[in-house]
Amino acid sequence: DVEPRPGDFEGNLALGLDLLRDAESGVCGTFLDTLSTQLHNRPDRKRAAMEKGALSAVVALMKRNAADEKIQAQAARAIRHVCFQNQLAIAAAHAAGAIGTLGAALDLHVTPEVRSE
């Protein structure tokens, strides 16, 4: 087992993205919340997240958990935090299929939490 390392954002990000592929939704939700918090006002971390494939991983997670309203909201928030004031990330989000996936989440989940993200 590989343990998270304090202060190693990029290493922990890579570990977290690998775990997203198979983890339960509760674990994924915790990771998404942490990712959103870690990206706030940190262009260097947004760039690292984009380079490590965070957008593709989050979109894939949304597709696998389409019926999970909470995951949809948390994933939408993470995508927003990666893309906020980041033109390269916005283009990468389009390429990763984020727009269609976010639209599907809005169609399926008409709750205020999902809509606000």
N, C-alpha and C. Protein backbone atom coordinates (compact mmCIF):
# COMPACT_ATOMS: atom_id res chain seq x y z
N ASP A 1 0.83 -1.21 0.00
CA ASP A 1 0.00 0.00 0.00
C ASP A 1 0.86 1.25 0.00
N VAL A 2 0.44 2.22 -0.75
CA VAL A 2 1.13 3.50 -0.79
C VAL A 2 0.33 4.48 0.05
N GLU A 3 1.00 5.14 0.95
CA GLU A 3 0.35 6.10 1.85
C GLU A 3 0.52 7.52 1.32
N PRO A 4 -0.49 8.39 1.54
CA PRO A 4 -0.32 9.80 1.19
C PRO A 4 0.86 10.40 1.95
N ARG A 5 1.53 11.33 1.32
CA ARG A 5 2.68 11.98 1.93
C ARG A 5 2.35 13.44 2.21
N PRO A 6 2.43 13.86 3.47
CA PRO A 6 2.13 15.27 3.77
C PRO A 6 3.00 16.21 2.94
N GLY A 7 2.37 17.22 2.36
CA GLY A 7 3.10 18.24 1.61
C GLY A 7 3.43 17.86 0.18
N ASP A 8 3.08 16.65 -0.26
CA ASP A 8 3.38 16.22 -1.63
C ASP A 8 2.10 16.24 -2.44
N PHE A 9 1.67 17.43 -2.86
CA PHE A 9 0.40 17.56 -3.57
C PHE A 9 0.37 16.71 -4.83
N GLU A 10 1.39 16.81 -5.67
CA GLU A 10 1.38 16.09 -6.95
C GLU A 10 1.40 14.58 -6.75
N GLY A 11 2.19 14.09 -5.81
CA GLY A 11 2.22 12.66 -5.54
C GLY A 11 0.90 12.16 -4.99
N ASN A 12 0.33 12.92 -4.07
CA ASN A 12 -0.96 12.54 -3.50
C ASN A 12 -2.08 12.66 -4.52
N LEU A 13 -1.97 13.63 -5.41
CA LEU A 13 -2.96 13.78 -6.47
C LEU A 13 -2.95 12.55 -7.37
N ALA A 14 -1.76 12.12 -7.78
CA ALA A 14 -1.64 10.94 -8.64
C ALA A 14 -2.21 9.71 -7.93
N LEU A 15 -1.90 9.56 -6.66
CA LEU A 15 -2.42 8.44 -5.87
C LEU A 15 -3.95 8.51 -5.81
N GLY A 16 -4.48 9.68 -5.52
CA GLY A 16 -5.94 9.85 -5.43
C GLY A 16 -6.63 9.57 -6.75
N LEU A 17 -6.06 10.04 -7.85
CA LEU A 17 -6.66 9.79 -9.16
C LEU A 17 -6.65 8.31 -9.50
N ASP A 18 -5.59 7.61 -9.12
CA ASP A 18 -5.55 6.16 -9.34
C ASP A 18 -6.65 5.47 -8.53
N LEU A 19 -6.85 5.91 -7.30
CA LEU A 19 -7.87 5.30 -6.44
C LEU A 19 -9.29 5.58 -6.92
N LEU A 20 -9.49 6.71 -7.60
CA LEU A 20 -10.82 7.06 -8.10
C LEU A 20 -11.38 5.99 -9.03
N ARG A 21 -10.52 5.29 -9.72
CA ARG A 21 -10.96 4.32 -10.71
C ARG A 21 -11.76 3.17 -10.11
N ASP A 22 -11.45 2.80 -8.84
CA ASP A 22 -12.08 1.62 -8.25
C ASP A 22 -12.73 1.88 -6.89
N ALA A 23 -12.59 3.06 -6.35
CA ALA A 23 -13.05 3.32 -4.98
C ALA A 23 -14.57 3.43 -4.89
N GLU A 24 -15.07 3.20 -3.69
CA GLU A 24 -16.50 3.39 -3.41
C GLU A 24 -16.84 4.87 -3.50
N SER A 25 -18.12 5.15 -3.69
CA SER A 25 -18.53 6.55 -3.89
C SER A 25 -18.20 7.43 -2.69
N GLY A 26 -18.27 6.92 -1.47
CA GLY A 26 -17.93 7.73 -0.29
C GLY A 26 -16.48 8.18 -0.29
N VAL A 27 -15.60 7.27 -0.67
CA VAL A 27 -14.18 7.60 -0.76
C VAL A 27 -13.96 8.61 -1.88
N CYS A 28 -14.62 8.38 -2.99
CA CYS A 28 -14.50 9.30 -4.14
C CYS A 28 -14.99 10.69 -3.75
N GLY A 29 -16.10 10.76 -3.04
CA GLY A 29 -16.64 12.05 -2.61
C GLY A 29 -15.67 12.80 -1.73
N THR A 30 -15.04 12.09 -0.80
CA THR A 30 -14.05 12.72 0.08
C THR A 30 -12.88 13.25 -0.74
N PHE A 31 -12.41 12.46 -1.70
CA PHE A 31 -11.31 12.91 -2.55
C PHE A 31 -11.71 14.15 -3.35
N LEU A 32 -12.91 14.14 -3.93
CA LEU A 32 -13.37 15.28 -4.72
C LEU A 32 -13.46 16.55 -3.88
N ASP A 33 -13.96 16.42 -2.66
CA ASP A 33 -14.04 17.58 -1.77
C ASP A 33 -12.64 18.11 -1.44
N THR A 34 -11.72 17.19 -1.16
CA THR A 34 -10.34 17.59 -0.85
C THR A 34 -9.69 18.24 -2.06
N LEU A 35 -9.90 17.66 -3.23
CA LEU A 35 -9.34 18.22 -4.46
C LEU A 35 -9.84 19.64 -4.67
N SER A 36 -11.13 19.85 -4.52
CA SER A 36 -11.70 21.19 -4.69
C SER A 36 -11.06 22.19 -3.74
N THR A 37 -10.91 21.78 -2.49
CA THR A 37 -10.31 22.66 -1.48
C THR A 37 -8.85 22.97 -1.83
N GLN A 38 -8.11 21.96 -2.27
CA GLN A 38 -6.69 22.14 -2.57
C GLN A 38 -6.44 22.99 -3.82
N LEU A 39 -7.43 23.07 -4.70
CA LEU A 39 -7.25 23.83 -5.94
C LEU A 39 -7.64 25.30 -5.80
N HIS A 40 -8.35 25.65 -4.75
CA HIS A 40 -8.85 27.02 -4.59
C HIS A 40 -7.69 28.01 -4.58
N ASN A 41 -7.71 28.94 -5.54
CA ASN A 41 -6.71 29.99 -5.67
C ASN A 41 -5.28 29.46 -5.79
N ARG A 42 -5.11 28.32 -6.43
CA ARG A 42 -3.78 27.73 -6.61
C ARG A 42 -3.56 27.33 -8.06
N PRO A 43 -3.19 28.30 -8.92
CA PRO A 43 -2.97 27.98 -10.34
C PRO A 43 -1.95 26.86 -10.56
N ASP A 44 -0.93 26.78 -9.71
CA ASP A 44 0.08 25.72 -9.84
C ASP A 44 -0.54 24.35 -9.63
N ARG A 45 -1.44 24.25 -8.68
CA ARG A 45 -2.10 22.98 -8.41
C ARG A 45 -3.14 22.65 -9.49
N LYS A 46 -3.80 23.67 -10.01
CA LYS A 46 -4.74 23.45 -11.11
C LYS A 46 -4.01 22.88 -12.31
N ARG A 47 -2.85 23.43 -12.60
CA ARG A 47 -2.05 22.96 -13.74
C ARG A 47 -1.62 21.51 -13.50
N ALA A 48 -1.17 21.20 -12.28
CA ALA A 48 -0.75 19.83 -11.97
C ALA A 48 -1.93 18.87 -12.09
N ALA A 49 -3.09 19.29 -11.62
CA ALA A 49 -4.28 18.43 -11.71
C ALA A 49 -4.63 18.16 -13.17
N MET A 50 -4.56 19.19 -13.97
CA MET A 50 -4.87 19.03 -15.39
C MET A 50 -3.85 18.10 -16.06
N GLU A 51 -2.57 18.29 -15.75
CA GLU A 51 -1.51 17.47 -16.36
C GLU A 51 -1.61 16.01 -15.94
N LYS A 52 -2.10 15.75 -14.74
CA LYS A 52 -2.22 14.37 -14.23
C LYS A 52 -3.51 13.69 -14.70
N GLY A 53 -4.35 14.40 -15.45
CA GLY A 53 -5.56 13.79 -15.98
C GLY A 53 -6.77 13.87 -15.06
N ALA A 54 -6.79 14.85 -14.17
CA ALA A 54 -7.90 14.96 -13.22
C ALA A 54 -9.25 15.13 -13.92
N LEU A 55 -9.29 15.92 -14.97
CA LEU A 55 -10.57 16.16 -15.64
C LEU A 55 -11.13 14.87 -16.23
N SER A 56 -10.31 14.10 -16.91
CA SER A 56 -10.77 12.83 -17.48
C SER A 56 -11.20 11.86 -16.39
N ALA A 57 -10.46 11.83 -15.29
CA ALA A 57 -10.80 10.93 -14.19
C ALA A 57 -12.13 11.32 -13.54
N VAL A 58 -12.35 12.61 -13.37
CA VAL A 58 -13.59 13.08 -12.75
C VAL A 58 -14.78 12.83 -13.69
N VAL A 59 -14.59 13.07 -14.97
CA VAL A 59 -15.67 12.80 -15.94
C VAL A 59 -16.01 11.31 -15.94
N ALA A 60 -15.00 10.45 -15.93
CA ALA A 60 -15.24 9.00 -15.90
C ALA A 60 -15.99 8.61 -14.63
N LEU A 61 -15.61 9.21 -13.51
CA LEU A 61 -16.30 8.94 -12.24
C LEU A 61 -17.77 9.37 -12.33
N MET A 62 -18.03 10.52 -12.92
CA MET A 62 -19.41 10.99 -13.07
C MET A 62 -20.22 10.01 -13.91
N LYS A 63 -19.63 9.49 -14.96
CA LYS A 63 -20.33 8.56 -15.83
C LYS A 63 -20.62 7.24 -15.10
N ARG A 64 -19.66 6.77 -14.30
CA ARG A 64 -19.87 5.52 -13.56
C ARG A 64 -20.90 5.66 -12.45
N ASN A 65 -21.06 6.87 -11.94
CA ASN A 65 -21.95 7.12 -10.81
C ASN A 65 -23.06 8.10 -11.18
N ALA A 66 -23.60 7.96 -12.37
CA ALA A 66 -24.59 8.91 -12.89
C ALA A 66 -25.80 9.06 -11.97
N ALA A 67 -26.18 8.02 -11.26
CA ALA A 67 -27.37 8.08 -10.41
C ALA A 67 -27.09 8.67 -9.03
N ASP A 68 -25.82 8.89 -8.71
CA ASP A 68 -25.45 9.38 -7.38
C ASP A 68 -25.40 10.92 -7.39
N GLU A 69 -26.44 11.49 -6.86
CA GLU A 69 -26.59 12.96 -6.86
C GLU A 69 -25.43 13.66 -6.15
N LYS A 70 -24.98 13.10 -5.04
CA LYS A 70 -23.91 13.74 -4.28
C LYS A 70 -22.59 13.72 -5.06
N ILE A 71 -22.27 12.58 -5.67
CA ILE A 71 -21.05 12.50 -6.47
C ILE A 71 -21.12 13.48 -7.64
N GLN A 72 -22.29 13.60 -8.26
CA GLN A 72 -22.44 14.53 -9.38
C GLN A 72 -22.14 15.96 -8.95
N ALA A 73 -22.65 16.36 -7.80
CA ALA A 73 -22.41 17.72 -7.30
C ALA A 73 -20.95 17.92 -6.94
N GLN A 74 -20.35 16.94 -6.26
CA GLN A 74 -18.94 17.06 -5.86
C GLN A 74 -18.02 17.07 -7.08
N ALA A 75 -18.34 16.24 -8.06
CA ALA A 75 -17.53 16.20 -9.27
C ALA A 75 -17.66 17.50 -10.07
N ALA A 76 -18.88 18.03 -10.15
CA ALA A 76 -19.09 19.30 -10.85
C ALA A 76 -18.30 20.42 -10.17
N ARG A 77 -18.27 20.39 -8.86
CA ARG A 77 -17.51 21.39 -8.10
C ARG A 77 -16.01 21.26 -8.41
N ALA A 78 -15.51 20.03 -8.45
CA ALA A 78 -14.09 19.81 -8.75
C ALA A 78 -13.75 20.30 -10.16
N ILE A 79 -14.62 20.02 -11.13
CA ILE A 79 -14.40 20.50 -12.49
C ILE A 79 -14.39 22.03 -12.51
N ARG A 80 -15.32 22.63 -11.77
CA ARG A 80 -15.37 24.10 -11.72
C ARG A 80 -14.07 24.66 -11.14
N HIS A 81 -13.56 24.03 -10.09
CA HIS A 81 -12.34 24.54 -9.46
C HIS A 81 -11.11 24.36 -10.35
N VAL A 82 -11.06 23.29 -11.12
CA VAL A 82 -9.94 23.12 -12.05
C VAL A 82 -10.03 24.18 -13.15
N CYS A 83 -11.22 24.45 -13.63
CA CYS A 83 -11.40 25.31 -14.80
C CYS A 83 -11.50 26.81 -14.50
N PHE A 84 -11.77 27.18 -13.27
CA PHE A 84 -11.97 28.60 -12.94
C PHE A 84 -10.75 29.42 -13.30
N GLN A 85 -10.93 30.40 -14.16
CA GLN A 85 -9.89 31.31 -14.63
C GLN A 85 -8.70 30.55 -15.23
N ASN A 86 -8.99 29.49 -15.99
CA ASN A 86 -7.94 28.65 -16.56
C ASN A 86 -8.39 28.20 -17.95
N GLN A 87 -8.02 28.96 -18.96
CA GLN A 87 -8.46 28.69 -20.33
C GLN A 87 -8.01 27.33 -20.85
N LEU A 88 -6.79 26.91 -20.49
CA LEU A 88 -6.31 25.60 -20.93
C LEU A 88 -7.16 24.49 -20.32
N ALA A 89 -7.54 24.64 -19.06
CA ALA A 89 -8.38 23.63 -18.41
C ALA A 89 -9.78 23.61 -19.01
N ILE A 90 -10.28 24.76 -19.38
CA ILE A 90 -11.61 24.80 -20.02
C ILE A 90 -11.57 24.02 -21.33
N ALA A 91 -10.53 24.21 -22.12
CA ALA A 91 -10.38 23.46 -23.37
C ALA A 91 -10.22 21.97 -23.08
N ALA A 92 -9.46 21.62 -22.05
CA ALA A 92 -9.27 20.21 -21.68
C ALA A 92 -10.58 19.60 -21.19
N ALA A 93 -11.40 20.38 -20.50
CA ALA A 93 -12.70 19.90 -20.02
C ALA A 93 -13.60 19.55 -21.21
N HIS A 94 -13.59 20.40 -22.22
CA HIS A 94 -14.35 20.11 -23.44
C HIS A 94 -13.86 18.80 -24.06
N ALA A 95 -12.55 18.66 -24.18
CA ALA A 95 -11.97 17.45 -24.80
C ALA A 95 -12.26 16.20 -23.98
N ALA A 96 -12.36 16.33 -22.66
CA ALA A 96 -12.62 15.18 -21.78
C ALA A 96 -14.09 14.79 -21.75
N GLY A 97 -14.94 15.59 -22.39
CA GLY A 97 -16.37 15.29 -22.39
C GLY A 97 -17.12 15.83 -21.19
N ALA A 98 -16.52 16.78 -20.49
CA ALA A 98 -17.13 17.31 -19.27
C ALA A 98 -18.45 18.03 -19.55
N ILE A 99 -18.56 18.72 -20.66
CA ILE A 99 -19.77 19.51 -20.92
C ILE A 99 -20.99 18.60 -21.06
N GLY A 100 -20.86 17.55 -21.86
CA GLY A 100 -21.96 16.62 -22.02
C GLY A 100 -22.29 15.88 -20.73
N THR A 101 -21.26 15.53 -19.97
CA THR A 101 -21.47 14.82 -18.71
C THR A 101 -22.14 15.73 -17.69
N LEU A 102 -21.73 16.98 -17.63
CA LEU A 102 -22.38 17.93 -16.72
C LEU A 102 -23.84 18.15 -17.14
N GLY A 103 -24.08 18.23 -18.43
CA GLY A 103 -25.45 18.37 -18.93
C GLY A 103 -26.32 17.18 -18.54
N ALA A 104 -25.76 15.98 -18.65
CA ALA A 104 -26.50 14.78 -18.27
C ALA A 104 -26.82 14.79 -16.78
N ALA A 105 -25.87 15.27 -15.96
CA ALA A 105 -26.11 15.35 -14.51
C ALA A 105 -27.24 16.33 -14.22
N LEU A 106 -27.26 17.45 -14.93
CA LEU A 106 -28.33 18.43 -14.73
C LEU A 106 -29.68 17.89 -15.17
N ASP A 107 -29.68 17.11 -16.25
CA ASP A 107 -30.94 16.51 -16.72
C ASP A 107 -31.48 15.50 -15.73
N LEU A 108 -30.60 14.73 -15.12
CA LEU A 108 -31.01 13.65 -14.23
C LEU A 108 -31.31 14.13 -12.81
N HIS A 109 -30.56 15.11 -12.35
CA HIS A 109 -30.67 15.56 -10.96
C HIS A 109 -31.14 17.02 -10.93
N VAL A 110 -32.35 17.20 -10.56
CA VAL A 110 -32.92 18.56 -10.54
C VAL A 110 -32.87 19.16 -9.14
N THR A 111 -31.90 18.72 -8.32
CA THR A 111 -31.80 19.23 -6.96
C THR A 111 -30.99 20.51 -6.94
N PRO A 112 -31.24 21.35 -5.95
CA PRO A 112 -30.50 22.61 -5.83
C PRO A 112 -28.99 22.41 -5.72
N GLU A 113 -28.54 21.35 -5.03
CA GLU A 113 -27.10 21.15 -4.86
C GLU A 113 -26.40 20.91 -6.20
N VAL A 114 -26.99 20.05 -7.02
CA VAL A 114 -26.40 19.76 -8.32
C VAL A 114 -26.50 20.98 -9.22
N ARG A 115 -27.63 21.62 -9.24
CA ARG A 115 -27.83 22.80 -10.09
C ARG A 115 -26.90 23.95 -9.72
N SER A 116 -26.58 24.09 -8.43
CA SER A 116 -25.72 25.21 -8.01
C SER A 116 -24.29 25.04 -8.49
N GLU A 117 -23.86 23.81 -8.68
CA GLU A 117 -22.49 23.57 -9.15
C GLU A 117 -22.43 23.71 -10.64
